[in-house]
C-alpha atoms as a PDB file:
ATOM      1  CA  MET A   1       5.415   9.985 137.198  1.00  0.00           C
ATOM      2  CA  ILE A   2       8.610   8.365 138.164  1.00  0.00           C
ATOM      3  CA  ASN A   3      10.438   9.802 135.204  1.00  0.00           C
ATOM      4  CA  ARG A   4       9.214  13.304 135.855  1.00  0.00           C
ATOM      5  CA  HIS A   5      10.342  13.179 139.458  1.00  0.00           C
ATOM      6  CA  ARG A   6      13.758  11.963 138.494  1.00  0.00           C
ATOM      7  CA  PHE A   7      14.094  14.773 135.928  1.00  0.00           C
ATOM      8  CA  TYR A   8      13.220  17.401 138.505  1.00  0.00           C
ATOM      9  CA  LYS A   9      15.690  16.008 140.963  1.00  0.00           C
ATOM     10  CA  THR A  10      18.340  15.894 138.355  1.00  0.00           C
ATOM     11  CA  LYS A  11      17.773  19.557 137.439  1.00  0.00           C
ATOM     12  CA  GLN A  12      17.869  20.593 141.050  1.00  0.00           C
ATOM     13  CA  ASN A  13      21.064  18.736 141.581  1.00  0.00           C
ATOM     14  CA  LEU A  14      22.613  20.455 138.612  1.00  0.00           C
ATOM     15  CA  ASN A  15      21.799  23.857 140.028  1.00  0.00           C
ATOM     16  CA  LYS A  16      23.424  22.951 143.306  1.00  0.00           C
ATOM     17  CA  VAL A  17      26.515  21.800 141.492  1.00  0.00           C
ATOM     18  CA  ARG A  18      26.722  25.092 139.624  1.00  0.00           C
ATOM     19  CA  LEU A  19      26.404  27.087 142.834  1.00  0.00           C
ATOM     20  CA  LEU A  20      29.130  25.068 144.478  1.00  0.00           C
ATOM     21  CA  ARG A  21      31.423  25.643 141.517  1.00  0.00           C
ATOM     22  CA  GLN A  22      30.806  29.415 141.564  1.00  0.00           C
ATOM     23  CA  LYS A  23      31.580  29.560 145.283  1.00  0.00           C
ATOM     24  CA  LYS A  24      34.776  27.671 144.737  1.00  0.00           C
ATOM     25  CA  GLN A  25      35.823  29.943 141.857  1.00  0.00           C
ATOM     26  CA  ARG A  26      35.193  33.314 143.613  1.00  0.00           C
ATOM     27  CA  PRO A  27      38.149  33.201 146.003  1.00  0.00           C
ATOM     28  CA  ARG A  28      40.439  32.326 143.168  1.00  0.00           C
ATOM     29  CA  THR A  29      39.249  35.365 141.162  1.00  0.00           C
ATOM     30  CA  GLU A  30      39.782  37.690 144.147  1.00  0.00           C
ATOM     31  CA  GLU A  31      43.259  36.287 144.679  1.00  0.00           C
ATOM     32  CA  THR A  32      44.211  36.967 141.080  1.00  0.00           C
ATOM     33  CA  LYS A  33      42.972  40.585 141.344  1.00  0.00           C
ATOM     34  CA  GLU A  34      45.047  41.185 144.466  1.00  0.00           C
ATOM     35  CA  ASN A  35      48.213  39.894 142.828  1.00  0.00           C
ATOM     36  CA  HIS A  36      47.767  41.981 139.582  1.00  0.00           C
ATOM     37  CA  ILE A  37      50.004  45.202 139.186  1.00  0.00           C
ATOM     38  CA  ASP A  38      48.793  48.228 137.114  1.00  0.00           C
ATOM     39  CA  THR A  39      51.769  49.148 134.855  1.00  0.00           C
ATOM     40  CA  SER A  40      50.131  52.344 133.541  1.00  0.00           C
ATOM     41  CA  VAL A  41      50.590  54.117 136.905  1.00  0.00           C
ATOM     42  CA  VAL A  42      54.263  53.226 136.972  1.00  0.00           C
ATOM     43  CA  LYS A  43      54.713  54.576 133.456  1.00  0.00           C
ATOM     44  CA  LYS A  44      53.062  57.862 134.396  1.00  0.00           C
ATOM     45  CA  MET A  45      55.299  58.251 137.442  1.00  0.00           C
ATOM     46  CA  LEU A  46      58.435  57.561 135.439  1.00  0.00           C
ATOM     47  CA  SER A  47      57.360  60.012 132.711  1.00  0.00           C
ATOM     48  CA  THR A  48      56.729  62.733 135.304  1.00  0.00           C
ATOM     49  CA  VAL A  49      60.126  62.200 136.926  1.00  0.00           C
ATOM     50  CA  PHE A  50      61.835  62.245 133.532  1.00  0.00           C
ATOM     51  CA  PHE A  51      60.018  65.450 132.497  1.00  0.00           C
ATOM     52  CA  ILE A  52      60.893  67.279 135.725  1.00  0.00           C
ATOM     53  CA  THR A  53      64.516  66.148 135.538  1.00  0.00           C
ATOM     54  CA  SER A  54      64.798  67.241 131.915  1.00  0.00           C
ATOM     55  CA  LEU A  55      63.220  70.613 132.733  1.00  0.00           C
ATOM     56  CA  LEU A  56      65.654  71.210 135.595  1.00  0.00           C
ATOM     57  CA  TRP A  57      68.586  70.222 133.407  1.00  0.00           C
ATOM     58  CA  PHE A  58      67.556  72.551 130.589  1.00  0.00           C
ATOM     59  CA  GLY A  59      66.984  75.362 133.077  1.00  0.00           C
ATOM     60  CA  TYR A  60      70.399  74.915 134.587  1.00  0.00           C
ATOM     61  CA  PHE A  61      72.166  74.466 131.225  1.00  0.00           C
ATOM     62  CA  PHE A  62      70.612  77.452 129.446  1.00  0.00           C
ATOM     63  CA  ILE A  63      69.991  79.858 132.362  1.00  0.00           C
ATOM     64  CA  LEU A  64      72.057  79.198 135.480  1.00  0.00           C
ATOM     65  CA  SER A  65      75.245  77.712 134.062  1.00  0.00           C
ATOM     66  CA  ASP A  66      77.910  79.879 132.445  1.00  0.00           C
ATOM     67  CA  ASN A  67      77.426  78.314 129.012  1.00  0.00           C
ATOM     68  CA  PHE A  68      75.508  81.404 127.852  1.00  0.00           C
ATOM     69  CA  PHE A  69      77.014  84.017 130.159  1.00  0.00           C
ATOM     70  CA  ILE A  70      78.346  87.208 128.518  1.00  0.00           C
ATOM     71  CA  LYS A  71      82.128  87.005 128.657  1.00  0.00           C
ATOM     72  CA  THR A  72      83.216  89.599 126.069  1.00  0.00           C
ATOM     73  CA  VAL A  73      81.983  93.211 125.841  1.00  0.00           C
ATOM     74  CA  THR A  74      83.072  95.584 123.060  1.00  0.00           C
ATOM     75  CA  ILE A  75      82.195  99.299 123.081  1.00  0.00           C
ATOM     76  CA  GLU A  76      82.456 101.492 119.983  1.00  0.00           C
ATOM     77  CA  GLY A  77      81.655 105.064 118.985  1.00  0.00           C
ATOM     78  CA  ASN A  78      82.501 106.866 122.223  1.00  0.00           C
ATOM     79  CA  GLU A  79      84.671 109.947 121.697  1.00  0.00           C
ATOM     80  CA  ASN A  80      84.306 112.003 124.870  1.00  0.00           C
ATOM     81  CA  ILE A  81      82.730 109.462 127.212  1.00  0.00           C
ATOM     82  CA  PRO A  82      85.516 107.626 129.093  1.00  0.00           C
ATOM     83  CA  ILE A  83      85.669 103.944 128.210  1.00  0.00           C
ATOM     84  CA  GLU A  84      86.438 103.088 131.834  1.00  0.00           C
ATOM     85  CA  GLU A  85      83.158 104.580 133.028  1.00  0.00           C
ATOM     86  CA  LEU A  86      81.201 102.774 130.311  1.00  0.00           C
ATOM     87  CA  ASN A  87      82.811  99.498 131.384  1.00  0.00           C
ATOM     88  CA  ILE A  88      81.767 100.130 134.984  1.00  0.00           C
ATOM     89  CA  ILE A  89      78.166 100.847 133.958  1.00  0.00           C
ATOM     90  CA  THR A  90      78.061  97.684 131.838  1.00  0.00           C
ATOM     91  CA  LYS A  91      79.609  95.579 134.593  1.00  0.00           C
ATOM     92  CA  ASN A  92      77.066  96.799 137.149  1.00  0.00           C
ATOM     93  CA  CYS A  93      74.253  96.060 134.723  1.00  0.00           C
ATOM     94  CA  LEU A  94      75.524  92.516 134.128  1.00  0.00           C
ATOM     95  CA  ALA A  95      75.708  91.923 137.881  1.00  0.00           C
ATOM     96  CA  LYS A  96      71.969  92.448 138.318  1.00  0.00           C
ATOM     97  CA  LYS A  97      69.507  89.559 138.622  1.00  0.00           C
ATOM     98  CA  HIS A  98      65.982  88.858 137.407  1.00  0.00           C
ATOM     99  CA  TRP A  99      63.560  87.754 140.117  1.00  0.00           C
ATOM    100  CA  PHE A 100      66.403  87.640 142.650  1.00  0.00           C
ATOM    101  CA  PHE A 101      68.176  84.556 141.247  1.00  0.00           C
ATOM    102  CA  ILE A 102      68.297  84.595 137.415  1.00  0.00           C
ATOM    103  CA  PRO A 103      71.518  86.380 136.314  1.00  0.00           C
ATOM    104  CA  ASN A 104      71.192  89.302 133.919  1.00  0.00           C
ATOM    105  CA  LYS A 105      74.520  88.371 132.343  1.00  0.00           C
ATOM    106  CA  ASN A 106      72.831  85.470 130.581  1.00  0.00           C
ATOM    107  CA  ILE A 107      72.831  86.557 126.935  1.00  0.00           C
ATOM    108  CA  LEU A 108      69.387  84.997 126.399  1.00  0.00           C
ATOM    109  CA  LEU A 109      67.813  87.121 129.151  1.00  0.00           C
ATOM    110  CA  PHE A 110      70.047  90.198 129.100  1.00  0.00           C
ATOM    111  CA  SER A 111      68.045  93.447 129.410  1.00  0.00           C
ATOM    112  CA  GLU A 112      69.112  95.866 126.674  1.00  0.00           C
ATOM    113  CA  ASP A 113      66.714  98.584 127.848  1.00  0.00           C
ATOM    114  CA  ASP A 114      68.216  98.541 131.326  1.00  0.00           C
ATOM    115  CA  LEU A 115      71.732  99.160 129.986  1.00  0.00           C
ATOM    116  CA  LYS A 116      70.527 101.903 127.620  1.00  0.00           C
ATOM    117  CA  GLN A 117      68.760 103.661 130.468  1.00  0.00           C
ATOM    118  CA  SER A 118      71.816 103.432 132.739  1.00  0.00           C
ATOM    119  CA  ILE A 119      74.064 105.011 130.099  1.00  0.00           C
ATOM    120  CA  SER A 120      71.525 107.710 129.179  1.00  0.00           C
ATOM    121  CA  GLU A 121      71.127 108.723 132.823  1.00  0.00           C
ATOM    122  CA  GLN A 122      74.810 109.654 133.042  1.00  0.00           C
ATOM    123  CA  TYR A 123      75.666 110.820 129.528  1.00  0.00           C
ATOM    124  CA  ILE A 124      74.048 112.674 126.664  1.00  0.00           C
ATOM    125  CA  VAL A 125      73.777 110.206 123.789  1.00  0.00           C
ATOM    126  CA  LYS A 126      71.831 110.292 120.559  1.00  0.00           C
ATOM    127  CA  ASN A 127      71.501 106.551 120.045  1.00  0.00           C
ATOM    128  CA  ILE A 128      72.663 103.267 121.587  1.00  0.00           C
ATOM    129  CA  ILE A 129      72.713 100.030 119.581  1.00  0.00           C
ATOM    130  CA  ILE A 130      73.256  96.763 121.467  1.00  0.00           C
ATOM    131  CA  ASP A 131      74.034  93.654 119.429  1.00  0.00           C
ATOM    132  CA  LYS A 132      74.058  90.174 120.990  1.00  0.00           C
ATOM    133  CA  LYS A 133      76.499  87.807 119.350  1.00  0.00           C
ATOM    134  CA  PHE A 134      75.883  84.290 120.566  1.00  0.00           C
ATOM    135  CA  PRO A 135      76.959  82.573 122.596  1.00  0.00           C
ATOM    136  CA  PHE A 136      78.714  85.057 124.903  1.00  0.00           C
ATOM    137  CA  GLU A 137      79.641  88.368 123.184  1.00  0.00           C
ATOM    138  CA  LEU A 138      77.976  91.761 123.589  1.00  0.00           C
ATOM    139  CA  ASN A 139      78.660  94.638 121.195  1.00  0.00           C
ATOM    140  CA  ILE A 140      77.671  98.189 122.215  1.00  0.00           C
ATOM    141  CA  LYS A 141      77.695 101.037 119.689  1.00  0.00           C
ATOM    142  CA  ILE A 142      77.237 104.577 121.048  1.00  0.00           C
ATOM    143  CA  GLU A 143      76.381 107.658 119.037  1.00  0.00           C
ATOM    144  CA  GLU A 144      77.105 110.723 121.121  1.00  0.00           C
ATOM    145  CA  LYS A 145      74.759 113.678 120.848  1.00  0.00           C
ATOM    146  CA  LEU A 146      76.784 116.794 120.056  1.00  0.00           C
ATOM    147  CA  ALA A 147      79.795 115.271 121.699  1.00  0.00           C
ATOM    148  CA  ARG A 148      81.610 118.586 122.210  1.00  0.00           C
ATOM    149  CA  LEU A 149      80.957 122.214 122.937  1.00  0.00           C
ATOM    150  CA  ILE A 150      83.103 125.312 122.735  1.00  0.00           C
ATOM    151  CA  LEU A 151      83.718 127.391 125.815  1.00  0.00           C
ATOM    152  CA  ARG A 152      84.571 131.021 125.128  1.00  0.00           C
ATOM    153  CA  THR A 153      85.956 132.844 128.139  1.00  0.00           C
ATOM    154  CA  ARG A 154      85.973 136.645 128.319  1.00  0.00           C
ATOM    155  CA  THR A 155      88.248 138.053 131.024  1.00  0.00           C
ATOM    156  CA  LEU A 156      88.098 141.694 132.045  1.00  0.00           C
ATOM    157  CA  VAL A 157      91.381 143.560 131.634  1.00  0.00           C
ATOM    158  CA  GLU A 158      91.961 146.898 133.377  1.00  0.00           C
ATOM    159  CA  ILE A 159      94.036 149.390 131.361  1.00  0.00           C
ATOM    160  CA  THR A 160      95.357 152.406 133.331  1.00  0.00           C
ATOM    161  CA  ASP A 161      97.716 155.253 132.452  1.00  0.00           C
ATOM    162  CA  LYS A 162      99.699 155.955 135.613  1.00  0.00           C
ATOM    163  CA  GLU A 163     101.573 159.281 135.663  1.00  0.00           C
ATOM    164  CA  GLU A 164     104.355 160.237 137.999  1.00  0.00           C
ATOM    165  CA  GLU A 165     103.153 162.322 140.923  1.00  0.00           C
ATOM    166  CA  ASN A 166     105.335 165.251 142.021  1.00  0.00           C
ATOM    167  CA  ASP A 167     105.116 166.805 145.479  1.00  0.00           C
ATOM    168  CA  PHE A 168     104.800 170.587 145.539  1.00  0.00           C
ATOM    169  CA  THR A 169     103.791 173.415 147.915  1.00  0.00           C
ATOM    170  CA  VAL A 170     101.642 176.400 147.114  1.00  0.00           C
ATOM    171  CA  ASP A 171     101.792 179.517 149.246  1.00  0.00           C
ATOM    172  CA  ASP A 172      99.105 181.483 147.489  1.00  0.00           C
ATOM    173  CA  ALA A 173      95.534 180.567 148.504  1.00  0.00           C
ATOM    174  CA  ASP A 174      94.142 181.807 145.216  1.00  0.00           C
ATOM    175  CA  SER A 175      96.352 179.496 143.275  1.00  0.00           C
ATOM    176  CA  THR A 176      95.125 176.660 145.493  1.00  0.00           C
ATOM    177  CA  ASP A 177      91.503 177.436 144.678  1.00  0.00           C
ATOM    178  CA  SER A 178      92.272 177.541 140.986  1.00  0.00           C
ATOM    179  CA  ASN A 179      94.003 174.200 141.204  1.00  0.00           C
ATOM    180  CA  ASP A 180      90.940 172.723 142.947  1.00  0.00           C
ATOM    181  CA  LYS A 181      88.718 173.935 140.153  1.00  0.00           C
ATOM    182  CA  GLU A 182      91.029 172.455 137.567  1.00  0.00           C
ATOM    183  CA  GLU A 183      90.963 169.110 139.367  1.00  0.00           C
ATOM    184  CA  GLU A 184      87.161 169.125 139.450  1.00  0.00           C
ATOM    185  CA  GLY A 185      87.078 169.843 135.739  1.00  0.00           C
ATOM    186  CA  ASP A 186      89.523 167.032 135.045  1.00  0.00           C
ATOM    187  CA  THR A 187      87.381 164.637 137.113  1.00  0.00           C
ATOM    188  CA  GLU A 188      84.286 165.491 135.067  1.00  0.00           C
ATOM    189  CA  LYS A 189      86.202 164.928 131.842  1.00  0.00           C
ATOM    190  CA  GLU A 190      87.465 161.570 133.107  1.00  0.00           C
ATOM    191  CA  GLU A 191      83.907 160.503 133.936  1.00  0.00           C
ATOM    192  CA  GLU A 192      82.706 161.549 130.526  1.00  0.00           C
ATOM    193  CA  GLU A 193      85.621 159.912 128.729  1.00  0.00           C
ATOM    194  CA  LYS A 194      85.580 156.675 130.774  1.00  0.00           C
ATOM    195  CA  PRO A 195      86.696 153.924 128.361  1.00  0.00           C
ATOM    196  CA  GLU A 196      84.609 150.814 127.722  1.00  0.00           C
ATOM    197  CA  PRO A 197      85.772 147.648 129.494  1.00  0.00           C
ATOM    198  CA  THR A 198      88.260 145.562 127.584  1.00  0.00           C
ATOM    199  CA  TYR A 199      88.097 141.776 127.524  1.00  0.00           C
ATOM    200  CA  THR A 200      90.446 139.085 126.380  1.00  0.00           C
ATOM    201  CA  GLU A 201      88.938 136.007 124.753  1.00  0.00           C
ATOM    202  CA  ASP A 202      90.074 132.434 124.886  1.00  0.00           C
ATOM    203  CA  TYR A 203      88.586 129.204 123.520  1.00  0.00           C
ATOM    204  CA  PHE A 204      88.375 125.696 124.981  1.00  0.00           C
ATOM    205  CA  TYR A 205      86.733 122.414 124.100  1.00  0.00           C
ATOM    206  CA  LEU A 206      84.130 121.318 126.638  1.00  0.00           C
ATOM    207  CA  ASP A 207      82.732 117.789 126.930  1.00  0.00           C
ATOM    208  CA  VAL A 208      79.182 116.744 127.775  1.00  0.00           C
ATOM    209  CA  ASN A 209      80.015 116.541 131.475  1.00  0.00           C
ATOM    210  CA  GLY A 210      81.120 120.171 131.680  1.00  0.00           C
ATOM    211  CA  ILE A 211      84.820 119.280 131.842  1.00  0.00           C
ATOM    212  CA  ILE A 212      87.413 121.167 129.814  1.00  0.00           C
ATOM    213  CA  VAL A 213      89.136 118.607 127.622  1.00  0.00           C
ATOM    214  CA  SER A 214      91.520 120.764 125.575  1.00  0.00           C
ATOM    215  CA  HIS A 215      92.678 124.316 125.008  1.00  0.00           C
ATOM    216  CA  GLY A 216      93.438 126.148 121.775  1.00  0.00           C
ATOM    217  CA  ASN A 217      93.554 124.853 118.210  1.00  0.00           C
ATOM    218  CA  ILE A 218      89.828 125.419 117.800  1.00  0.00           C
ATOM    219  CA  SER A 219      88.971 124.990 114.153  1.00  0.00           C
ATOM    220  CA  ASP A 220      86.780 127.507 112.332  1.00  0.00           C
ATOM    221  CA  LYS A 221      84.435 124.683 111.369  1.00  0.00           C
ATOM    222  CA  ASP A 222      83.816 123.768 115.015  1.00  0.00           C
ATOM    223  CA  ILE A 223      83.182 127.420 115.900  1.00  0.00           C
ATOM    224  CA  THR A 224      80.436 127.608 113.278  1.00  0.00           C
ATOM    225  CA  THR A 225      78.874 124.191 113.943  1.00  0.00           C
ATOM    226  CA  LEU A 226      79.297 123.392 117.642  1.00  0.00           C
ATOM    227  CA  PRO A 227      77.314 125.100 120.429  1.00  0.00           C
ATOM    228  CA  ILE A 228      79.208 127.964 122.044  1.00  0.00           C
ATOM    229  CA  ILE A 229      78.954 128.773 125.748  1.00  0.00           C
ATOM    230  CA  GLU A 230      80.282 132.164 126.729  1.00  0.00           C
ATOM    231  CA  MET A 231      81.353 132.972 130.283  1.00  0.00           C
ATOM    232  CA  GLU A 232      82.677 136.259 131.634  1.00  0.00           C
ATOM    233  CA  PHE A 233      85.194 136.751 134.426  1.00  0.00           C
ATOM    234  CA  ASP A 234      86.002 139.939 136.328  1.00  0.00           C
ATOM    235  CA  SER A 235      89.631 139.009 136.829  1.00  0.00           C
ATOM    236  CA  GLN A 236      92.263 136.821 135.287  1.00  0.00           C
ATOM    237  CA  THR A 237      91.189 133.257 135.957  1.00  0.00           C
ATOM    238  CA  LEU A 238      93.198 130.164 135.276  1.00  0.00           C
ATOM    239  CA  VAL A 239      91.039 127.790 133.218  1.00  0.00           C
ATOM    240  CA  LYS A 240      92.809 124.608 132.219  1.00  0.00           C
ATOM    241  CA  PRO A 241      91.954 121.128 130.903  1.00  0.00           C
ATOM    242  CA  GLY A 242      90.437 118.952 133.592  1.00  0.00           C
ATOM    243  CA  ASP A 243      88.523 121.782 135.300  1.00  0.00           C
ATOM    244  CA  ILE A 244      84.785 121.287 135.780  1.00  0.00           C
ATOM    245  CA  ILE A 245      83.022 124.442 134.602  1.00  0.00           C
ATOM    246  CA  MET A 246      79.417 123.271 135.041  1.00  0.00           C
ATOM    247  CA  ASP A 247      77.488 120.088 135.784  1.00  0.00           C
ATOM    248  CA  ARG A 248      76.094 117.693 133.202  1.00  0.00           C
ATOM    249  CA  GLU A 249      72.488 118.840 133.718  1.00  0.00           C
ATOM    250  CA  LYS A 250      73.398 122.393 132.734  1.00  0.00           C
ATOM    251  CA  VAL A 251      75.230 121.172 129.614  1.00  0.00           C
ATOM    252  CA  GLU A 252      72.199 119.081 128.684  1.00  0.00           C
ATOM    253  CA  TYR A 253      69.934 122.106 129.140  1.00  0.00           C
ATOM    254  CA  ILE A 254      72.136 124.202 126.839  1.00  0.00           C
ATOM    255  CA  PHE A 255      72.017 121.424 124.257  1.00  0.00           C
ATOM    256  CA  SER A 256      68.232 121.520 124.497  1.00  0.00           C
ATOM    257  CA  VAL A 257      68.214 125.302 123.994  1.00  0.00           C
ATOM    258  CA  TYR A 258      70.168 124.922 120.763  1.00  0.00           C
ATOM    259  CA  GLU A 259      67.978 122.047 119.599  1.00  0.00           C
ATOM    260  CA  VAL A 260      64.562 123.545 120.400  1.00  0.00           C
ATOM    261  CA  ILE A 261      65.356 127.033 119.070  1.00  0.00           C
ATOM    262  CA  GLY A 262      66.938 125.501 115.974  1.00  0.00           C
ATOM    263  CA  LYS A 263      63.620 123.753 115.210  1.00  0.00           C
ATOM    264  CA  SER A 264      61.592 126.940 115.680  1.00  0.00           C
ATOM    265  CA  LYS A 265      59.232 127.953 112.878  1.00  0.00           C
ATOM    266  CA  GLU A 266      60.755 131.436 112.972  1.00  0.00           C
ATOM    267  CA  GLY A 267      64.049 130.216 111.532  1.00  0.00           C
ATOM    268  CA  LEU A 268      66.162 131.346 114.473  1.00  0.00           C
ATOM    269  CA  GLU A 269      69.895 130.667 114.632  1.00  0.00           C
ATOM    270  CA  LEU A 270      71.939 131.037 117.782  1.00  0.00           C
ATOM    271  CA  ASN A 271      75.282 132.740 117.950  1.00  0.00           C
ATOM    272  CA  TYR A 272      76.121 131.688 121.506  1.00  0.00           C
ATOM    273  CA  VAL A 273      74.653 131.105 124.968  1.00  0.00           C
ATOM    274  CA  LEU A 274      75.809 133.304 127.840  1.00  0.00           C
ATOM    275  CA  TYR A 275      76.062 131.521 131.184  1.00  0.00           C
ATOM    276  CA  ASN A 276      76.657 133.180 134.534  1.00  0.00           C
ATOM    277  CA  SER A 277      77.545 130.671 137.248  1.00  0.00           C
ATOM    278  CA  GLU A 278      76.318 133.097 139.934  1.00  0.00           C
ATOM    279  CA  ILE A 279      72.796 133.017 138.438  1.00  0.00           C
ATOM    280  CA  ASP A 280      72.480 129.301 137.845  1.00  0.00           C
ATOM    281  CA  ASP A 281      68.760 129.251 136.954  1.00  0.00           C
ATOM    282  CA  GLU A 282      68.997 131.745 134.069  1.00  0.00           C
ATOM    283  CA  LEU A 283      70.531 131.772 130.594  1.00  0.00           C
ATOM    284  CA  THR A 284      70.929 134.363 127.870  1.00  0.00           C
ATOM    285  CA  PHE A 285      71.021 133.363 124.225  1.00  0.00           C
ATOM    286  CA  ALA A 286      72.258 135.627 121.445  1.00  0.00           C
ATOM    287  CA  THR A 287      70.850 135.237 117.940  1.00  0.00           C
ATOM    288  CA  LYS A 288      72.651 135.893 114.692  1.00  0.00           C
ATOM    289  CA  GLU A 289      70.078 138.644 114.051  1.00  0.00           C
ATOM    290  CA  GLY A 290      71.673 140.699 116.819  1.00  0.00           C
ATOM    291  CA  TRP A 291      69.123 140.485 119.625  1.00  0.00           C
ATOM    292  CA  GLN A 292      69.146 138.461 122.851  1.00  0.00           C
ATOM    293  CA  GLY A 293      66.686 136.308 124.752  1.00  0.00           C
ATOM    294  CA  PHE A 294      66.466 135.672 128.498  1.00  0.00           C
ATOM    295  CA  LEU A 295      65.490 132.171 129.690  1.00  0.00           C
ATOM    296  CA  SER A 296      64.687 130.670 133.075  1.00  0.00           C
ATOM    297  CA  SER A 297      65.327 127.001 133.855  1.00  0.00           C
ATOM    298  CA  ASP A 298      62.395 127.116 136.316  1.00  0.00           C
ATOM    299  CA  ILE A 299      59.940 127.268 133.391  1.00  0.00           C
ATOM    300  CA  ALA A 300      59.606 124.548 130.753  1.00  0.00           C
ATOM    301  CA  LEU A 301      61.818 125.368 127.790  1.00  0.00           C
ATOM    302  CA  GLU A 302      59.121 124.463 125.261  1.00  0.00           C
ATOM    303  CA  THR A 303      56.708 126.890 126.943  1.00  0.00           C
ATOM    304  CA  GLN A 304      59.197 129.745 126.720  1.00  0.00           C
ATOM    305  CA  ILE A 305      59.958 129.076 123.046  1.00  0.00           C
ATOM    306  CA  LYS A 306      56.226 129.054 122.227  1.00  0.00           C
ATOM    307  CA  LYS A 307      55.909 132.448 123.893  1.00  0.00           C
ATOM    308  CA  LEU A 308      58.891 133.617 121.868  1.00  0.00           C
ATOM    309  CA  GLU A 309      57.279 132.515 118.604  1.00  0.00           C
ATOM    310  CA  LEU A 310      53.952 134.178 119.481  1.00  0.00           C
ATOM    311  CA  ALA A 311      55.698 137.449 120.353  1.00  0.00           C
ATOM    312  CA  LEU A 312      57.620 137.439 117.067  1.00  0.00           C
ATOM    313  CA  GLN A 313      54.504 136.622 115.038  1.00  0.00           C
ATOM    314  CA  GLU A 314      51.898 138.852 116.695  1.00  0.00           C
ATOM    315  CA  LYS A 315      53.675 141.775 118.351  1.00  0.00           C
ATOM    316  CA  ILE A 316      57.112 142.331 116.898  1.00  0.00           C
ATOM    317  CA  LYS A 317      56.505 141.329 113.258  1.00  0.00           C
ATOM    318  CA  GLU A 318      58.309 143.692 110.893  1.00  0.00           C
ATOM    319  CA  ASN A 319      60.103 145.491 113.766  1.00  0.00           C
ATOM    320  CA  ARG A 320      62.257 142.419 114.299  1.00  0.00           C
ATOM    321  CA  SER A 321      65.313 144.154 112.831  1.00  0.00           C
ATOM    322  CA  ASN A 322      65.145 146.783 115.604  1.00  0.00           C
ATOM    323  CA  LEU A 323      64.661 144.259 118.387  1.00  0.00           C
ATOM    324  CA  GLN A 324      67.149 144.387 121.267  1.00  0.00           C
ATOM    325  CA  TYR A 325      65.952 141.683 123.658  1.00  0.00           C
ATOM    326  CA  ILE A 326      63.031 139.426 124.618  1.00  0.00           C
ATOM    327  CA  ASP A 327      62.519 138.468 128.258  1.00  0.00           C
ATOM    328  CA  LEU A 328      60.807 135.067 128.670  1.00  0.00           C
ATOM    329  CA  ARG A 329      61.504 134.552 132.375  1.00  0.00           C
ATOM    330  CA  VAL A 330      58.002 135.562 133.548  1.00  0.00           C
ATOM    331  CA  LYS A 331      55.560 132.660 133.362  1.00  0.00           C
ATOM    332  CA  ASP A 332      52.557 134.325 131.684  1.00  0.00           C
ATOM    333  CA  ARG A 333      54.129 137.381 130.072  1.00  0.00           C
ATOM    334  CA  VAL A 334      56.712 138.412 127.503  1.00  0.00           C
ATOM    335  CA  TYR A 335      58.711 141.619 127.697  1.00  0.00           C
ATOM    336  CA  PHE A 336      60.655 142.936 124.745  1.00  0.00           C
ATOM    337  CA  LYS A 337      62.392 146.081 123.562  1.00  0.00           C
END
């Protein structure tokens, strides 16, 4: 019995000792946890700062700094479009910004479509090729669309035969009556024999902006290949290089007339286009077959040409050689003779 009691007491004492040791060790463990620093958080913060700094540096170096700004612009292919005006258009385009702060003159972000649209809005061009040559050169190649036209002016010339008038007196009334009858007969003959108006012709080169660029020395090749605009004047008019005959929109419309009619299924070829500045919304085109067509700029050109083709196919047919004119200026009708 004594031994059992001692063993129990000894076991109990051991448990107490263990509890005391655990209590003593707990504060030490808590102290060590408080003094420990988590290095993974610091690494994440440093990585984030480094990433943001690198991103800002790359953004500044490649976008905002002048390391990739366009510094040299070369323009080729322009014949009638002034190089000074093309430089102004390009300069204004480079001065624009993306999203209010990113410069368009950065060669990496330069908008080619914006420059093409700006040039096409002011000039008639067939094609524009923009080549970026890194790091800061821009090459622009322009292909003008029918760069020149021919202006043919027809000026009315009055030709008169002036005779000397002699004063005389007639005492006999009968002779006076006879003279009156003779004058009436002469007047009738003059009306019957009234001569046709006489015109003088002159030729000029006209650019796509409606400005006369040169006078004379028109080659036969240009007369047969370039569009011809004919204008008539009732009196002698001084037309010289530098004068603006019509605006660019009218020149572009005449180009379209030549282009659309030239692609017609009826195989039409134009001789010239007659333009009257007093009737700005109408044009007359003359074909090489000898007949004329009347157009209105208030109606779509394609619609009028379709009406022209239908009239030639369904109504005129084999009588085309006797055709004098076709009037396409009425929206839903076609008149011809």
